[in-house]
C-alpha atoms as a PDB file:
ATOM      1  CA  MET A   1       0.050  -0.095   0.134  1.00  0.00           C
ATOM      2  CA  GLY A   2       2.798   2.326   0.527  1.00  0.00           C
ATOM      3  CA  ASP A   3       4.027   2.118  -3.113  1.00  0.00           C
ATOM      4  CA  THR A   4       0.309   3.197  -4.185  1.00  0.00           C
ATOM      5  CA  ALA A   5       0.453   6.162  -1.959  1.00  0.00           C
ATOM      6  CA  CYS A   6       3.787   7.298  -3.147  1.00  0.00           C
ATOM      7  CA  ILE A   7       2.598   7.020  -6.764  1.00  0.00           C
ATOM      8  CA  ILE A   8      -0.581   8.829  -5.999  1.00  0.00           C
ATOM      9  CA  THR A   9       1.661  11.637  -4.161  1.00  0.00           C
ATOM     10  CA  THR A  10       3.862  11.872  -7.395  1.00  0.00           C
ATOM     11  CA  LEU A  11       0.907  11.912  -9.601  1.00  0.00           C
ATOM     12  CA  ARG A  12      -0.789  14.576  -7.686  1.00  0.00           C
ATOM     13  CA  GLU A  13       2.249  16.834  -7.744  1.00  0.00           C
ATOM     14  CA  GLU A  14       2.552  16.602 -11.589  1.00  0.00           C
ATOM     15  CA  GLU A  15      -1.087  17.130 -12.045  1.00  0.00           C
ATOM     16  CA  GLU A  16      -1.243  20.227  -9.719  1.00  0.00           C
ATOM     17  CA  GLU A  17       1.633  21.829 -11.596  1.00  0.00           C
ATOM     18  CA  GLU A  18      -0.147  20.938 -15.089  1.00  0.00           C
ATOM     19  CA  ASN A  19      -3.922  21.585 -14.230  1.00  0.00           C
ATOM     20  CA  THR A  20      -4.964  25.046 -14.484  1.00  0.00           C
ATOM     21  CA  SER A  21      -8.051  24.414 -16.696  1.00  0.00           C
ATOM     22  CA  GLY A  22     -10.535  23.585 -14.016  1.00  0.00           C
ATOM     23  CA  GLU A  23     -10.706  19.792 -14.820  1.00  0.00           C
ATOM     24  CA  THR A  24     -10.954  16.916 -12.438  1.00  0.00           C
ATOM     25  CA  PRO A  25      -7.346  16.449 -11.103  1.00  0.00           C
ATOM     26  CA  MET A  26      -6.005  13.059 -12.133  1.00  0.00           C
ATOM     27  CA  HIS A  27      -4.858  12.358  -8.490  1.00  0.00           C
ATOM     28  CA  ILE A  28      -8.921  12.147  -7.769  1.00  0.00           C
ATOM     29  CA  THR A  29      -9.234   9.576 -10.493  1.00  0.00           C
ATOM     30  CA  VAL A  30      -6.462   7.417  -9.606  1.00  0.00           C
ATOM     31  CA  ALA A  31      -7.683   7.454  -5.931  1.00  0.00           C
ATOM     32  CA  LEU A  32     -11.028   6.606  -6.838  1.00  0.00           C
ATOM     33  CA  LEU A  33      -9.555   3.573  -8.930  1.00  0.00           C
ATOM     34  CA  CYS A  34      -7.543   2.611  -6.096  1.00  0.00           C
ATOM     35  CA  VAL A  35     -10.513   2.548  -3.710  1.00  0.00           C
ATOM     36  CA  ALA A  36     -12.706   0.597  -6.249  1.00  0.00           C
ATOM     37  CA  LEU A  37      -9.894  -1.990  -6.740  1.00  0.00           C
ATOM     38  CA  VAL A  38      -9.542  -2.440  -2.924  1.00  0.00           C
ATOM     39  CA  ALA A  39     -13.114  -2.652  -2.285  1.00  0.00           C
ATOM     40  CA  ALA A  40     -14.206  -4.956  -5.323  1.00  0.00           C
ATOM     41  CA  PRO A  41     -13.096  -8.400  -3.933  1.00  0.00           C
ATOM     42  CA  GLY A  42     -15.552  -7.787  -1.005  1.00  0.00           C
ATOM     43  CA  CYS A  43     -18.456  -6.686  -3.054  1.00  0.00           C
ATOM     44  CA  THR A  44     -18.390  -9.351  -5.735  1.00  0.00           C
ATOM     45  CA  GLY A  45     -18.352 -12.604  -3.913  1.00  0.00           C
ATOM     46  CA  PHE A  46     -21.371 -14.908  -4.346  1.00  0.00           C
ATOM     47  CA  PRO A  47     -23.516 -15.682  -1.435  1.00  0.00           C
ATOM     48  CA  THR A  48     -22.312 -18.472   0.714  1.00  0.00           C
ATOM     49  CA  LYS A  49     -24.367 -21.665   1.446  1.00  0.00           C
ATOM     50  CA  GLY A  50     -25.169 -20.268   5.032  1.00  0.00           C
ATOM     51  CA  ASP A  51     -26.222 -17.025   3.534  1.00  0.00           C
ATOM     52  CA  SER A  52     -28.635 -18.717   1.040  1.00  0.00           C
ATOM     53  CA  ILE A  53     -30.083 -20.853   3.622  1.00  0.00           C
ATOM     54  CA  SER A  54     -30.498 -17.927   6.158  1.00  0.00           C
ATOM     55  CA  ASN A  55     -32.344 -16.071   3.265  1.00  0.00           C
ATOM     56  CA  THR A  56     -34.380 -18.876   2.502  1.00  0.00           C
ATOM     57  CA  ILE A  57     -35.465 -19.267   6.121  1.00  0.00           C
ATOM     58  CA  TYR A  58     -36.295 -15.710   6.156  1.00  0.00           C
ATOM     59  CA  ASN A  59     -38.386 -15.806   3.186  1.00  0.00           C
ATOM     60  CA  ILE A  60     -40.364 -18.856   4.491  1.00  0.00           C
ATOM     61  CA  ILE A  61     -41.068 -16.906   7.810  1.00  0.00           C
ATOM     62  CA  ASN A  62     -42.435 -13.879   5.810  1.00  0.00           C
ATOM     63  CA  ILE A  63     -44.649 -16.221   3.651  1.00  0.00           C
ATOM     64  CA  ALA A  64     -45.829 -17.819   6.811  1.00  0.00           C
ATOM     65  CA  LYS A  65     -46.680 -14.107   8.166  1.00  0.00           C
ATOM     66  CA  THR A  66     -48.372 -13.064   5.186  1.00  0.00           C
ATOM     67  CA  THR A  67     -50.603 -16.078   5.014  1.00  0.00           C
ATOM     68  CA  LEU A  68     -51.687 -15.499   8.622  1.00  0.00           C
ATOM     69  CA  VAL A  69     -52.667 -12.132   7.511  1.00  0.00           C
ATOM     70  CA  HIS A  70     -54.548 -13.402   4.654  1.00  0.00           C
ATOM     71  CA  ILE A  71     -56.357 -15.819   6.715  1.00  0.00           C
ATOM     72  CA  LYS A  72     -57.387 -13.122   9.300  1.00  0.00           C
ATOM     73  CA  LYS A  73     -58.605 -10.760   6.216  1.00  0.00           C
ATOM     74  CA  LEU A  74     -60.620 -13.808   5.051  1.00  0.00           C
ATOM     75  CA  ARG A  75     -61.965 -14.292   8.295  1.00  0.00           C
ATOM     76  CA  THR A  76     -63.611 -10.835   8.413  1.00  0.00           C
ATOM     77  CA  ARG A  77     -65.358 -11.628   5.143  1.00  0.00           C
ATOM     78  CA  LEU A  78     -66.717 -14.897   6.172  1.00  0.00           C
ATOM     79  CA  LEU A  79     -69.719 -15.270   8.296  1.00  0.00           C
ATOM     80  CA  VAL A  80     -69.096 -15.812  12.307  1.00  0.00           C
ATOM     81  CA  ALA A  81     -66.945 -18.880  12.701  1.00  0.00           C
ATOM     82  CA  PRO A  82     -67.749 -21.545  14.841  1.00  0.00           C
ATOM     83  CA  GLN A  83     -65.239 -22.081  17.692  1.00  0.00           C
ATOM     84  CA  ILE A  84     -63.360 -24.947  16.212  1.00  0.00           C
ATOM     85  CA  GLU A  85     -60.607 -26.673  18.256  1.00  0.00           C
ATOM     86  CA  VAL A  86     -57.659 -28.486  16.181  1.00  0.00           C
ATOM     87  CA  THR A  87     -54.613 -30.174  17.386  1.00  0.00           C
ATOM     88  CA  SER A  88     -51.618 -29.155  15.278  1.00  0.00           C
ATOM     89  CA  PRO A  89     -49.057 -32.056  14.661  1.00  0.00           C
ATOM     90  CA  SER A  90     -45.822 -31.675  16.180  1.00  0.00           C
ATOM     91  CA  ILE A  91     -43.036 -29.811  14.394  1.00  0.00           C
ATOM     92  CA  GLU A  92     -39.820 -31.721  14.644  1.00  0.00           C
ATOM     93  CA  GLY A  93     -37.939 -30.180  11.651  1.00  0.00           C
ATOM     94  CA  LEU A  94     -37.871 -29.887   8.058  1.00  0.00           C
ATOM     95  CA  THR A  95     -38.913 -33.306   7.014  1.00  0.00           C
ATOM     96  CA  SER A  96     -42.050 -32.944   9.279  1.00  0.00           C
ATOM     97  CA  ILE A  97     -42.986 -29.464   8.245  1.00  0.00           C
ATOM     98  CA  THR A  98     -42.655 -30.568   4.633  1.00  0.00           C
ATOM     99  CA  TYR A  99     -45.104 -33.274   4.976  1.00  0.00           C
ATOM    100  CA  GLU A 100     -47.402 -31.249   7.047  1.00  0.00           C
ATOM    101  CA  LEU A 101     -47.652 -28.402   4.579  1.00  0.00           C
ATOM    102  CA  GLY A 102     -48.051 -30.833   1.525  1.00  0.00           C
ATOM    103  CA  ARG A 103     -51.128 -32.318   3.549  1.00  0.00           C
ATOM    104  CA  LEU A 104     -52.515 -28.911   4.183  1.00  0.00           C
ATOM    105  CA  ASP A 105     -51.945 -28.015   0.527  1.00  0.00           C
ATOM    106  CA  SER A 106     -53.780 -31.135  -0.589  1.00  0.00           C
ATOM    107  CA  GLU A 107     -56.648 -30.363   1.785  1.00  0.00           C
ATOM    108  CA  LEU A 108     -56.858 -26.846   0.325  1.00  0.00           C
ATOM    109  CA  GLN A 109     -57.468 -28.169  -3.082  1.00  0.00           C
ATOM    110  CA  SER A 110     -60.895 -29.319  -1.982  1.00  0.00           C
ATOM    111  CA  PRO A 111     -63.822 -28.083  -4.332  1.00  0.00           C
ATOM    112  CA  PHE A 112     -65.298 -26.836  -0.923  1.00  0.00           C
ATOM    113  CA  THR A 113     -62.449 -24.501  -0.141  1.00  0.00           C
ATOM    114  CA  GLU A 114     -62.435 -22.501  -3.509  1.00  0.00           C
ATOM    115  CA  LEU A 115     -62.769 -19.324  -1.285  1.00  0.00           C
ATOM    116  CA  LEU A 116     -59.428 -20.268   0.182  1.00  0.00           C
ATOM    117  CA  SER A 117     -57.727 -19.874  -3.195  1.00  0.00           C
ATOM    118  CA  GLN A 118     -55.033 -17.099  -1.809  1.00  0.00           C
ATOM    119  CA  ILE A 119     -54.278 -19.254   1.211  1.00  0.00           C
ATOM    120  CA  HIS A 120     -53.876 -22.289  -1.024  1.00  0.00           C
ATOM    121  CA  ALA A 121     -51.483 -20.288  -3.282  1.00  0.00           C
ATOM    122  CA  ASP A 122     -49.490 -19.266  -0.142  1.00  0.00           C
ATOM    123  CA  VAL A 123     -49.230 -22.631   1.372  1.00  0.00           C
ATOM    124  CA  SER A 124     -48.120 -24.140  -1.913  1.00  0.00           C
ATOM    125  CA  SER A 125     -45.436 -21.605  -2.243  1.00  0.00           C
ATOM    126  CA  LEU A 126     -44.434 -22.065   1.417  1.00  0.00           C
ATOM    127  CA  GLU A 127     -44.429 -25.887   1.069  1.00  0.00           C
ATOM    128  CA  GLY A 128     -42.256 -25.489  -2.282  1.00  0.00           C
ATOM    129  CA  ARG A 129     -39.715 -23.366  -0.251  1.00  0.00           C
ATOM    130  CA  VAL A 130     -39.443 -25.534   2.780  1.00  0.00           C
ATOM    131  CA  ARG A 131     -39.072 -28.726   0.601  1.00  0.00           C
ATOM    132  CA  SER A 132     -36.400 -26.946  -1.285  1.00  0.00           C
ATOM    133  CA  LEU A 133     -34.694 -25.944   1.983  1.00  0.00           C
ATOM    134  CA  ALA A 134     -34.855 -29.516   3.128  1.00  0.00           C
ATOM    135  CA  GLN A 135     -33.283 -30.815  -0.016  1.00  0.00           C
ATOM    136  CA  THR A 136     -30.661 -28.067   0.164  1.00  0.00           C
ATOM    137  CA  THR A 137     -29.812 -29.175   3.672  1.00  0.00           C
ATOM    138  CA  ARG A 138     -29.965 -33.035   2.465  1.00  0.00           C
ATOM    139  CA  CYS A 139     -32.973 -33.618   4.821  1.00  0.00           C
ATOM    140  CA  PRO A 140     -35.080 -36.725   3.877  1.00  0.00           C
ATOM    141  CA  VAL A 141     -38.282 -35.580   2.271  1.00  0.00           C
ATOM    142  CA  SER A 142     -41.149 -38.038   1.055  1.00  0.00           C
ATOM    143  CA  ASP A 143     -43.090 -37.140  -1.859  1.00  0.00           C
ATOM    144  CA  ARG A 144     -46.074 -34.997  -1.548  1.00  0.00           C
ATOM    145  CA  PRO A 145     -49.084 -36.701   0.252  1.00  0.00           C
ATOM    146  CA  ALA A 146     -51.835 -37.728  -2.090  1.00  0.00           C
ATOM    147  CA  GLY A 147     -54.735 -35.522  -1.991  1.00  0.00           C
ATOM    148  CA  GLU A 148     -58.063 -36.472  -0.136  1.00  0.00           C
ATOM    149  CA  THR A 149     -60.568 -38.339  -2.261  1.00  0.00           C
ATOM    150  CA  VAL A 150     -63.344 -36.097  -2.929  1.00  0.00           C
ATOM    151  CA  ARG A 151     -66.362 -37.040  -0.925  1.00  0.00           C
ATOM    152  CA  GLU A 152     -69.686 -35.257  -0.629  1.00  0.00           C
ATOM    153  CA  ASN A 153     -69.537 -32.915   2.276  1.00  0.00           C
ATOM    154  CA  LEU A 154     -72.823 -32.223   3.895  1.00  0.00           C
ATOM    155  CA  PHE A 155     -71.443 -29.291   5.732  1.00  0.00           C
ATOM    156  CA  PRO A 156     -69.125 -27.127   3.193  1.00  0.00           C
ATOM    157  CA  ASP A 157     -69.047 -24.106   5.541  1.00  0.00           C
ATOM    158  CA  SER A 158     -67.738 -26.198   8.560  1.00  0.00           C
ATOM    159  CA  HIS A 159     -65.120 -27.736   6.141  1.00  0.00           C
ATOM    160  CA  LEU A 160     -64.063 -24.426   5.053  1.00  0.00           C
ATOM    161  CA  HIS A 161     -63.463 -23.102   8.676  1.00  0.00           C
ATOM    162  CA  LEU A 162     -62.013 -26.360   9.784  1.00  0.00           C
ATOM    163  CA  THR A 163     -59.303 -26.247   7.036  1.00  0.00           C
ATOM    164  CA  LEU A 164     -58.750 -22.547   7.474  1.00  0.00           C
ATOM    165  CA  THR A 165     -58.264 -23.182  11.458  1.00  0.00           C
ATOM    166  CA  LYS A 166     -55.879 -26.155  10.704  1.00  0.00           C
ATOM    167  CA  VAL A 167     -53.664 -23.820   8.547  1.00  0.00           C
ATOM    168  CA  GLN A 168     -53.843 -21.067  10.816  1.00  0.00           C
ATOM    169  CA  ARG A 169     -52.952 -23.105  13.853  1.00  0.00           C
ATOM    170  CA  TYR A 170     -50.291 -24.949  12.112  1.00  0.00           C
ATOM    171  CA  LEU A 171     -48.582 -21.741  10.886  1.00  0.00           C
ATOM    172  CA  GLU A 172     -48.781 -20.215  14.298  1.00  0.00           C
ATOM    173  CA  LYS A 173     -47.176 -23.058  15.735  1.00  0.00           C
ATOM    174  CA  MET A 174     -44.390 -23.195  12.979  1.00  0.00           C
ATOM    175  CA  LEU A 175     -43.524 -19.618  13.518  1.00  0.00           C
ATOM    176  CA  LEU A 176     -43.350 -20.342  17.251  1.00  0.00           C
ATOM    177  CA  ASN A 177     -40.684 -23.101  16.611  1.00  0.00           C
ATOM    178  CA  LYS A 178     -39.019 -21.415  13.655  1.00  0.00           C
ATOM    179  CA  ASP A 179     -35.820 -22.654  14.931  1.00  0.00           C
ATOM    180  CA  LYS A 180     -36.879 -25.979  13.730  1.00  0.00           C
ATOM    181  CA  LEU A 181     -36.430 -24.851  10.133  1.00  0.00           C
ATOM    182  CA  LYS A 182     -32.687 -25.339  10.720  1.00  0.00           C
ATOM    183  CA  VAL A 183     -32.962 -29.221  11.614  1.00  0.00           C
ATOM    184  CA  CYS A 184     -34.128 -32.008   9.748  1.00  0.00           C
END
């Protein structure tokens, strides 16, 4: 770095003697070039695998939060929801999260849940991100669960509320256990 300072000083002295026309002195240009060359290696690196995983986890959390907002908005448009109690499956890691999101995604494809198209899109996107993260971290993931067989539902409104509640409870539980997004 001492040689660079010496060269810049010499160029500055020569430029000051020659430059009287008001143009940008050459020493400023050389100094900017030196700064650019020194800073460039730190700015051009590709993200590491750890950075990529952290970004993916951040995106997963944001999609889950957005989906919960969509659920709350939808609940304001629906008739008064019955008090439905559901138990959410345990969250052990990426493998179980991928499976459960796939199951919920399949359930959201039911003809009785057409009002939930935005929620379905959110859960499908979320399942894809979690599946991708699991594969990146070499966690075992199974094929997506098969969809439920379409059966005549005598209570489509109850089915809609039940499905919405299942998704909401699972996402709330997942956000409380977001550290599980780092383990298989």
